[in-house]
Amino acid sequence: MESIKNLTRFTYETAAFQGWRLSISRKGATFTKYFSDKKYGDDAKSFAAAEAALLALRTLLDSAKLVDGKHTAVTKAKVEKLLTKA
């Protein structure tokens, strides 16, 4: 799979987790979500889920209003809700 900014692959043989980590920082806030191969079935499916969530997250953050150059609490709540559903 091709590398994409904000998505990192974790495949350590000795670790309990194998999958993708979505992590994005914008305007002083960092949002992270893990997409496990075990939960989604395999690495391709977890990657597809992570990529879809990343696209939705970027769309939400790019269109959000800023107050004093930072995201509002409402925007942060929307992001957390989006990541919970993913």
Protein backbone atom coordinates (compact mmCIF):
# COMPACT_ATOMS: atom_id res chain seq x y z
CA MET A 1 0.00 0.00 0.00
CA GLU A 2 1.16 3.48 -0.79
CA SER A 3 2.14 5.73 2.08
CA ILE A 4 -0.17 8.64 2.84
CA LYS A 5 0.56 11.63 5.03
CA ASN A 6 -1.09 11.30 8.45
CA LEU A 7 -1.41 7.47 8.21
CA THR A 8 1.23 5.24 9.79
CA ARG A 9 1.40 1.45 9.56
CA PHE A 10 2.15 -0.57 12.72
CA THR A 11 3.31 -4.16 12.05
CA TYR A 12 5.50 -5.23 14.93
CA GLU A 13 5.70 -8.97 15.51
CA THR A 14 6.01 -8.60 19.28
CA ALA A 15 3.22 -6.02 19.69
CA ALA A 16 -0.42 -6.83 20.35
CA PHE A 17 -1.56 -4.16 17.85
CA GLN A 18 -1.22 -4.38 14.10
CA GLY A 19 -2.95 -1.85 11.89
CA TRP A 20 -2.99 1.80 10.91
CA ARG A 21 -2.78 4.94 13.03
CA LEU A 22 -4.44 8.12 11.81
CA SER A 23 -2.94 11.20 13.43
CA ILE A 24 -3.52 14.75 12.30
CA SER A 25 -2.62 18.06 13.96
CA ARG A 26 -4.32 21.28 13.01
CA LYS A 27 -4.40 24.67 14.71
CA GLY A 28 -3.09 23.47 18.06
CA ALA A 29 -5.15 20.27 18.32
CA THR A 30 -4.08 16.70 17.59
CA PHE A 31 -6.55 13.96 16.73
CA THR A 32 -5.59 10.26 16.71
CA LYS A 33 -7.45 7.04 15.94
CA TYR A 34 -6.19 3.48 15.51
CA PHE A 35 -7.58 1.11 12.88
CA SER A 36 -6.81 -2.50 13.83
CA ASP A 37 -6.38 -5.24 11.23
CA LYS A 38 -8.15 -7.59 13.65
CA LYS A 39 -11.25 -5.39 13.86
CA TYR A 40 -11.51 -4.67 10.13
CA GLY A 41 -10.46 -8.10 8.85
CA ASP A 42 -7.09 -7.44 7.19
CA ASP A 43 -4.60 -4.68 6.43
CA ALA A 44 -6.33 -3.57 3.22
CA LYS A 45 -9.70 -3.13 4.93
CA SER A 46 -8.21 -1.29 7.92
CA PHE A 47 -6.30 0.96 5.51
CA ALA A 48 -9.49 1.72 3.57
CA ALA A 49 -11.31 2.63 6.79
CA ALA A 50 -8.42 4.82 7.95
CA GLU A 51 -8.20 6.54 4.56
CA ALA A 52 -11.96 7.25 4.51
CA ALA A 53 -11.81 8.66 8.04
CA LEU A 54 -8.82 10.83 7.11
CA LEU A 55 -10.66 12.28 4.11
CA ALA A 56 -13.74 13.06 6.22
CA LEU A 57 -11.57 14.55 8.96
CA ARG A 58 -9.66 16.80 6.56
CA THR A 59 -12.92 18.00 5.01
CA LEU A 60 -14.37 18.82 8.42
CA LEU A 61 -11.25 20.60 9.69
CA ASP A 62 -10.66 22.57 6.48
CA SER A 63 -14.21 23.96 6.50
CA ALA A 64 -14.40 24.66 10.24
CA LYS A 65 -14.58 28.16 11.69
CA LEU A 66 -11.63 29.34 13.73
CA VAL A 67 -11.70 31.53 16.82
CA ASP A 68 -8.44 33.31 17.57
CA GLY A 69 -6.71 30.98 15.10
CA LYS A 70 -7.84 27.78 16.85
CA HIS A 71 -10.63 25.27 16.39
CA THR A 72 -13.69 25.71 18.57
CA ALA A 73 -14.92 23.21 21.13
CA VAL A 74 -17.83 22.42 18.81
CA THR A 75 -15.44 21.51 15.99
CA LYS A 76 -13.39 19.34 18.33
CA ALA A 77 -16.56 17.56 19.47
CA LYS A 78 -17.57 16.94 15.85
CA VAL A 79 -14.14 15.48 15.13
CA GLU A 80 -14.31 13.18 18.16
CA LYS A 81 -17.79 12.02 17.10
CA LEU A 82 -16.56 11.36 13.57
CA LEU A 83 -13.58 9.35 14.85
CA THR A 84 -15.79 7.36 17.24
CA LYS A 85 -18.06 6.31 14.37
CA ALA A 86 -15.13 5.35 12.13
